[in-house]
PDB file of N, CA and C in Angstrom:
ATOM      1  N   UNK A   1       0.833  -1.188   0.000  1.00  0.00           N
ATOM      2  CA  UNK A   1       0.000   0.000   0.000  1.00  0.00           C
ATOM      3  C   UNK A   1       0.873   1.245   0.000  1.00  0.00           C
ATOM      4  N   UNK A   2       0.419   2.251  -0.678  1.00  0.00           N
ATOM      5  CA  UNK A   2       1.129   3.515  -0.685  1.00  0.00           C
ATOM      6  C   UNK A   2       0.411   4.488   0.227  1.00  0.00           C
ATOM      7  N   UNK A   3       1.175   5.385   0.794  1.00  0.00           N
ATOM      8  CA  UNK A   3       0.640   6.375   1.711  1.00  0.00           C
ATOM      9  C   UNK A   3       0.558   7.711   1.004  1.00  0.00           C
ATOM     10  N   UNK A   4      -0.545   8.416   1.182  1.00  0.00           N
ATOM     11  CA  UNK A   4      -0.691   9.747   0.613  1.00  0.00           C
ATOM     12  C   UNK A   4       0.121  10.745   1.431  1.00  0.00           C
ATOM     13  N   UNK A   5       0.271  11.926   0.937  1.00  0.00           N
ATOM     14  CA  UNK A   5       0.937  13.022   1.636  1.00  0.00           C
ATOM     15  C   UNK A   5       2.378  12.672   2.006  1.00  0.00           C
ATOM     16  N   UNK A   6       3.146  12.302   0.978  1.00  0.00           N
ATOM     17  CA  UNK A   6       4.560  12.055   1.212  1.00  0.00           C
ATOM     18  C   UNK A   6       5.385  12.953   0.305  1.00  0.00           C
ATOM     19  N   UNK A   7       6.556  13.295   0.766  1.00  0.00           N
ATOM     20  CA  UNK A   7       7.462  14.052  -0.081  1.00  0.00           C
ATOM     21  C   UNK A   7       8.882  13.843   0.408  1.00  0.00           C
ATOM     22  N   UNK A   8       9.817  14.044  -0.466  1.00  0.00           N
ATOM     23  CA  UNK A   8      11.216  13.859  -0.117  1.00  0.00           C
ATOM     24  C   UNK A   8      11.861  15.213   0.090  1.00  0.00           C
ATOM     25  N   UNK A   9      12.653  15.323   1.152  1.00  0.00           N
ATOM     26  CA  UNK A   9      13.336  16.575   1.461  1.00  0.00           C
ATOM     27  C   UNK A   9      14.687  16.605   0.754  1.00  0.00           C
ATOM     28  N   UNK A  10      14.902  17.640  -0.025  1.00  0.00           N
ATOM     29  CA  UNK A  10      16.167  17.789  -0.734  1.00  0.00           C
ATOM     30  C   UNK A  10      17.014  18.913  -0.166  1.00  0.00           C
ATOM     31  N   UNK A  11      16.517  19.606   0.833  1.00  0.00           N
ATOM     32  CA  UNK A  11      17.270  20.705   1.437  1.00  0.00           C
ATOM     33  C   UNK A  11      18.475  20.128   2.176  1.00  0.00           C
ATOM     34  N   UNK A  12      19.656  20.387   1.679  1.00  0.00           N
ATOM     35  CA  UNK A  12      20.863  19.797   2.246  1.00  0.00           C
ATOM     36  C   UNK A  12      21.225  20.357   3.609  1.00  0.00           C
ATOM     37  N   UNK A  13      20.713  21.513   3.939  1.00  0.00           N
ATOM     38  CA  UNK A  13      21.094  22.167   5.190  1.00  0.00           C
ATOM     39  C   UNK A  13      20.120  21.870   6.339  1.00  0.00           C
ATOM     40  N   UNK A  14      19.355  20.786   6.222  1.00  0.00           N
ATOM     41  CA  UNK A  14      18.419  20.427   7.290  1.00  0.00           C
ATOM     42  C   UNK A  14      18.726  19.029   7.806  1.00  0.00           C
ATOM     43  N   UNK A  15      18.160  18.697   8.953  1.00  0.00           N
ATOM     44  CA  UNK A  15      18.307  17.355   9.512  1.00  0.00           C
ATOM     45  C   UNK A  15      17.511  16.317   8.723  1.00  0.00           C
ATOM     46  N   UNK A  16      16.659  16.775   7.830  1.00  0.00           N
ATOM     47  CA  UNK A  16      15.777  15.882   7.090  1.00  0.00           C
ATOM     48  C   UNK A  16      16.240  15.650   5.655  1.00  0.00           C
ATOM     49  N   UNK A  17      17.440  16.073   5.306  1.00  0.00           N
ATOM     50  CA  UNK A  17      17.941  15.947   3.937  1.00  0.00           C
ATOM     51  C   UNK A  17      17.917  14.488   3.490  1.00  0.00           C
ATOM     52  N   UNK A  18      17.313  14.242   2.344  1.00  0.00           N
ATOM     53  CA  UNK A  18      17.268  12.908   1.768  1.00  0.00           C
ATOM     54  C   UNK A  18      16.257  11.967   2.388  1.00  0.00           C
ATOM     55  N   UNK A  19      15.471  12.431   3.343  1.00  0.00           N
ATOM     56  CA  UNK A  19      14.491  11.581   4.004  1.00  0.00           C
ATOM     57  C   UNK A  19      13.092  11.829   3.434  1.00  0.00           C
ATOM     58  N   UNK A  20      12.232  10.841   3.561  1.00  0.00           N
ATOM     59  CA  UNK A  20      10.844  10.972   3.127  1.00  0.00           C
ATOM     60  C   UNK A  20       9.986  11.428   4.296  1.00  0.00           C
ATOM     61  N   UNK A  21       9.137  12.395   4.041  1.00  0.00           N
ATOM     62  CA  UNK A  21       8.227  12.931   5.066  1.00  0.00           C
ATOM     63  C   UNK A  21       6.860  12.285   4.916  1.00  0.00           C
ATOM     64  N   UNK A  22       6.350  11.741   6.025  1.00  0.00           N
ATOM     65  CA  UNK A  22       5.030  11.114   6.020  1.00  0.00           C
ATOM     66  C   UNK A  22       4.285  11.537   7.270  1.00  0.00           C
ATOM     67  N   UNK A  23       2.989  11.690   7.143  1.00  0.00           N
ATOM     68  CA  UNK A  23       2.173  12.104   8.283  1.00  0.00           C
ATOM     69  C   UNK A  23       1.239  10.987   8.693  1.00  0.00           C
ATOM     70  N   UNK A  24       1.093  10.848  10.005  1.00  0.00           N
ATOM     71  CA  UNK A  24       0.236   9.794  10.517  1.00  0.00           C
ATOM     72  C   UNK A  24      -0.187  10.102  11.939  1.00  0.00           C
ATOM     73  N   UNK A  25      -0.738   9.092  12.590  1.00  0.00           N
ATOM     74  CA  UNK A  25      -1.204   9.225  13.973  1.00  0.00           C
ATOM     75  C   UNK A  25      -0.478   8.202  14.841  1.00  0.00           C
ATOM     76  N   UNK A  26      -0.023   8.643  15.986  1.00  0.00           N
ATOM     77  CA  UNK A  26       0.652   7.760  16.925  1.00  0.00           C
ATOM     78  C   UNK A  26      -0.363   6.814  17.552  1.00  0.00           C
ATOM     79  N   UNK A  27      -0.095   5.522  17.467  1.00  0.00           N
ATOM     80  CA  UNK A  27      -0.953   4.514  18.077  1.00  0.00           C
ATOM     81  C   UNK A  27      -0.341   4.034  19.388  1.00  0.00           C
ATOM     82  N   UNK A  28       0.960   3.750  19.359  1.00  0.00           N
ATOM     83  CA  UNK A  28       1.641   3.226  20.536  1.00  0.00           C
ATOM     84  C   UNK A  28       3.116   3.583  20.448  1.00  0.00           C
ATOM     85  N   UNK A  29       3.756   3.712  21.610  1.00  0.00           N
ATOM     86  CA  UNK A  29       5.173   4.072  21.629  1.00  0.00           C
ATOM     87  C   UNK A  29       5.903   3.290  22.712  1.00  0.00           C
ATOM     88  N   UNK A  30       7.104   2.826  22.383  1.00  0.00           N
ATOM     89  CA  UNK A  30       7.997   2.202  23.351  1.00  0.00           C
ATOM     90  C   UNK A  30       9.291   3.007  23.358  1.00  0.00           C
ATOM     91  N   UNK A  31      10.257   2.587  24.151  1.00  0.00           N
ATOM     92  CA  UNK A  31      11.544   3.282  24.161  1.00  0.00           C
ATOM     93  C   UNK A  31      12.254   3.144  22.820  1.00  0.00           C
ATOM     94  N   UNK A  32      12.008   2.049  22.110  1.00  0.00           N
ATOM     95  CA  UNK A  32      12.749   1.769  20.884  1.00  0.00           C
ATOM     96  C   UNK A  32      11.990   2.059  19.591  1.00  0.00           C
ATOM     97  N   UNK A  33      10.659   2.159  19.642  1.00  0.00           N
ATOM     98  CA  UNK A  33       9.899   2.279  18.399  1.00  0.00           C
ATOM     99  C   UNK A  33       8.579   3.005  18.598  1.00  0.00           C
ATOM    100  N   UNK A  34       7.995   3.418  17.461  1.00  0.00           N
ATOM    101  CA  UNK A  34       6.653   3.994  17.456  1.00  0.00           C
ATOM    102  C   UNK A  34       5.796   3.176  16.491  1.00  0.00           C
ATOM    103  N   UNK A  35       4.531   3.008  16.839  1.00  0.00           N
ATOM    104  CA  UNK A  35       3.562   2.350  15.969  1.00  0.00           C
ATOM    105  C   UNK A  35       2.688   3.454  15.411  1.00  0.00           C
ATOM    106  N   UNK A  36       2.743   3.651  14.100  1.00  0.00           N
ATOM    107  CA  UNK A  36       2.098   4.796  13.461  1.00  0.00           C
ATOM    108  C   UNK A  36       1.031   4.329  12.477  1.00  0.00           C
ATOM    109  N   UNK A  37      -0.137   4.966  12.545  1.00  0.00           N
ATOM    110  CA  UNK A  37      -1.224   4.731  11.592  1.00  0.00           C
ATOM    111  C   UNK A  37      -1.085   5.768  10.487  1.00  0.00           C
ATOM    112  N   UNK A  38      -0.822   5.294   9.271  1.00  0.00           N
ATOM    113  CA  UNK A  38      -0.670   6.188   8.125  1.00  0.00           C
ATOM    114  C   UNK A  38      -1.940   6.278   7.291  1.00  0.00           C
ATOM    115  N   UNK A  39      -3.034   5.762   7.781  1.00  0.00           N
ATOM    116  CA  UNK A  39      -4.292   5.795   7.027  1.00  0.00           C
ATOM    117  C   UNK A  39      -4.575   4.424   6.447  1.00  0.00           C
ATOM    118  N   UNK A  40      -4.023   4.118   5.274  1.00  0.00           N
ATOM    119  CA  UNK A  40      -4.295   2.805   4.695  1.00  0.00           C
ATOM    120  C   UNK A  40      -3.501   1.670   5.353  1.00  0.00           C
ATOM    121  N   UNK A  41      -2.521   2.002   6.180  1.00  0.00           N
ATOM    122  CA  UNK A  41      -1.698   0.980   6.819  1.00  0.00           C
ATOM    123  C   UNK A  41      -1.073   1.518   8.103  1.00  0.00           C
ATOM    124  N   UNK A  42      -0.622   0.609   8.949  1.00  0.00           N
ATOM    125  CA  UNK A  42       0.043   0.971  10.205  1.00  0.00           C
ATOM    126  C   UNK A  42       1.338   0.181  10.306  1.00  0.00           C
ATOM    127  N   UNK A  43       2.373   0.793  10.887  1.00  0.00           N
ATOM    128  CA  UNK A  43       3.671   0.133  10.975  1.00  0.00           C
ATOM    129  C   UNK A  43       4.416   0.519  12.240  1.00  0.00           C
ATOM    130  N   UNK A  44       5.214  -0.438  12.731  1.00  0.00           N
ATOM    131  CA  UNK A  44       6.209  -0.147  13.759  1.00  0.00           C
ATOM    132  C   UNK A  44       7.417   0.438  13.066  1.00  0.00           C
ATOM    133  N   UNK A  45       7.946   1.536  13.591  1.00  0.00           N
ATOM    134  CA  UNK A  45       9.145   2.163  13.032  1.00  0.00           C
ATOM    135  C   UNK A  45      10.172   2.345  14.141  1.00  0.00           C
ATOM    136  N   UNK A  46      11.405   1.923  13.920  1.00  0.00           N
ATOM    137  CA  UNK A  46      12.440   2.055  14.949  1.00  0.00           C
ATOM    138  C   UNK A  46      12.863   3.507  15.118  1.00  0.00           C
ATOM    139  N   UNK A  47      12.862   3.988  16.337  1.00  0.00           N
ATOM    140  CA  UNK A  47      13.230   5.379  16.599  1.00  0.00           C
ATOM    141  C   UNK A  47      14.661   5.684  16.171  1.00  0.00           C
ATOM    142  N   UNK A  48      15.512   4.681  16.173  1.00  0.00           N
ATOM    143  CA  UNK A  48      16.910   4.892  15.804  1.00  0.00           C
ATOM    144  C   UNK A  48      17.097   5.199  14.321  1.00  0.00           C
ATOM    145  N   UNK A  49      16.075   4.928  13.500  1.00  0.00           N
ATOM    146  CA  UNK A  49      16.180   5.128  12.050  1.00  0.00           C
ATOM    147  C   UNK A  49      15.331   6.269  11.526  1.00  0.00           C
ATOM    148  N   UNK A  50      14.539   6.901  12.394  1.00  0.00           N
ATOM    149  CA  UNK A  50      13.603   7.935  11.941  1.00  0.00           C
ATOM    150  C   UNK A  50      13.754   9.207  12.765  1.00  0.00           C
ATOM    151  N   UNK A  51      13.114  10.259  12.290  1.00  0.00           N
ATOM    152  CA  UNK A  51      12.969  11.504  13.049  1.00  0.00           C
ATOM    153  C   UNK A  51      11.473  11.754  13.168  1.00  0.00           C
ATOM    154  N   UNK A  52      11.047  12.190  14.342  1.00  0.00           N
ATOM    155  CA  UNK A  52       9.616  12.381  14.603  1.00  0.00           C
ATOM    156  C   UNK A  52       9.378  13.788  15.120  1.00  0.00           C
ATOM    157  N   UNK A  53       8.335  14.409  14.601  1.00  0.00           N
ATOM    158  CA  UNK A  53       7.872  15.709  15.098  1.00  0.00           C
ATOM    159  C   UNK A  53       6.419  15.529  15.497  1.00  0.00           C
ATOM    160  N   UNK A  54       6.122  15.832  16.733  1.00  0.00           N
ATOM    161  CA  UNK A  54       4.757  15.667  17.236  1.00  0.00           C
ATOM    162  C   UNK A  54       3.917  16.901  16.924  1.00  0.00           C
ATOM    163  N   UNK A  55       2.701  16.639  16.510  1.00  0.00           N
ATOM    164  CA  UNK A  55       1.749  17.706  16.260  1.00  0.00           C
ATOM    165  C   UNK A  55       0.728  17.737  17.380  1.00  0.00           C
ATOM    166  N   UNK A  56      -0.441  18.246  17.080  1.00  0.00           N
ATOM    167  CA  UNK A  56      -1.523  18.292  18.076  1.00  0.00           C
ATOM    168  C   UNK A  56      -2.117  16.903  18.260  1.00  0.00           C
ATOM    169  N   UNK A  57      -2.441  16.571  19.480  1.00  0.00           N
ATOM    170  CA  UNK A  57      -3.043  15.267  19.760  1.00  0.00           C
ATOM    171  C   UNK A  57      -2.096  14.136  19.423  1.00  0.00           C
ATOM    172  N   UNK A  58      -2.571  13.233  18.606  1.00  0.00           N
ATOM    173  CA  UNK A  58      -1.772  12.066  18.228  1.00  0.00           C
ATOM    174  C   UNK A  58      -1.062  12.253  16.883  1.00  0.00           C
ATOM    175  N   UNK A  59      -1.184  13.424  16.275  1.00  0.00           N
ATOM    176  CA  UNK A  59      -0.602  13.661  14.962  1.00  0.00           C
ATOM    177  C   UNK A  59       0.925  13.640  15.006  1.00  0.00           C
ATOM    178  N   UNK A  60       1.511  12.989  14.005  1.00  0.00           N
ATOM    179  CA  UNK A  60       2.964  12.911  13.889  1.00  0.00           C
ATOM    180  C   UNK A  60       3.390  13.213  12.472  1.00  0.00           C
ATOM    181  N   UNK A  61       4.555  13.816  12.342  1.00  0.00           N
ATOM    182  CA  UNK A  61       5.250  13.872  11.073  1.00  0.00           C
ATOM    183  C   UNK A  61       6.491  13.031  11.272  1.00  0.00           C
ATOM    184  N   UNK A  62       6.685  12.071  10.376  1.00  0.00           N
ATOM    185  CA  UNK A  62       7.808  11.149  10.480  1.00  0.00           C
ATOM    186  C   UNK A  62       8.684  11.314   9.251  1.00  0.00           C
ATOM    187  N   UNK A  63       9.983  11.419   9.461  1.00  0.00           N
ATOM    188  CA  UNK A  63      10.944  11.445   8.366  1.00  0.00           C
ATOM    189  C   UNK A  63      11.721  10.141   8.432  1.00  0.00           C
ATOM    190  N   UNK A  64      11.780   9.423   7.315  1.00  0.00           N
ATOM    191  CA  UNK A  64      12.482   8.158   7.312  1.00  0.00           C
ATOM    192  C   UNK A  64      13.246   7.953   6.016  1.00  0.00           C
ATOM    193  N   UNK A  65      14.295   7.133   6.054  1.00  0.00           N
ATOM    194  CA  UNK A  65      15.079   6.899   4.851  1.00  0.00           C
ATOM    195  C   UNK A  65      14.285   6.092   3.818  1.00  0.00           C
ATOM    196  N   UNK A  66      14.649   6.254   2.573  1.00  0.00           N
ATOM    197  CA  UNK A  66      13.932   5.591   1.488  1.00  0.00           C
ATOM    198  C   UNK A  66      13.923   4.072   1.648  1.00  0.00           C
ATOM    199  N   UNK A  67      15.049   3.489   2.037  1.00  0.00           N
ATOM    200  CA  UNK A  67      15.109   2.027   2.165  1.00  0.00           C
ATOM    201  C   UNK A  67      14.084   1.508   3.171  1.00  0.00           C
ATOM    202  N   UNK A  68      13.879   2.243   4.275  1.00  0.00           N
ATOM    203  CA  UNK A  68      12.919   1.825   5.293  1.00  0.00           C
ATOM    204  C   UNK A  68      11.487   2.007   4.793  1.00  0.00           C
ATOM    205  N   UNK A  69      11.226   3.112   4.099  1.00  0.00           N
ATOM    206  CA  UNK A  69       9.904   3.349   3.531  1.00  0.00           C
ATOM    207  C   UNK A  69       9.535   2.245   2.536  1.00  0.00           C
ATOM    208  N   UNK A  70      10.502   1.832   1.726  1.00  0.00           N
ATOM    209  CA  UNK A  70      10.240   0.753   0.765  1.00  0.00           C
ATOM    210  C   UNK A  70      10.050  -0.576   1.472  1.00  0.00           C
ATOM    211  N   UNK A  71      10.876  -0.833   2.488  1.00  0.00           N
ATOM    212  CA  UNK A  71      10.761  -2.083   3.254  1.00  0.00           C
ATOM    213  C   UNK A  71       9.381  -2.230   3.898  1.00  0.00           C
ATOM    214  N   UNK A  72       8.825  -1.114   4.354  1.00  0.00           N
ATOM    215  CA  UNK A  72       7.513  -1.128   5.003  1.00  0.00           C
ATOM    216  C   UNK A  72       6.359  -1.027   4.005  1.00  0.00           C
ATOM    217  N   UNK A  73       6.679  -0.884   2.723  1.00  0.00           N
ATOM    218  CA  UNK A  73       5.633  -0.779   1.705  1.00  0.00           C
ATOM    219  C   UNK A  73       4.978   0.569   1.620  1.00  0.00           C
ATOM    220  N   UNK A  74       5.657   1.598   2.105  1.00  0.00           N
ATOM    221  CA  UNK A  74       5.095   2.950   2.109  1.00  0.00           C
ATOM    222  C   UNK A  74       5.356   3.698   0.811  1.00  0.00           C
ATOM    223  N   UNK A  75       6.296   3.231   0.012  1.00  0.00           N
ATOM    224  CA  UNK A  75       6.600   3.837  -1.299  1.00  0.00           C
ATOM    225  C   UNK A  75       6.354   2.840  -2.394  1.00  0.00           C
TER     226      UNK A  75
END
């Protein structure tokens, strides 16, 4: 399944350079990972491989590398 509302950051001067931006809702969180609902699908994502920005409520913006997005079927 593909997730809507994704884009790749090309700004080299940011912490998100080369990562894919995806928005979802936080379902569950542990010390090592987050379980995120992206709409058509939900996935566990390791915190060590992603960057997370919390929005209002359960809203999250997640930046992750392309290889991980493909592995999870998000691209």
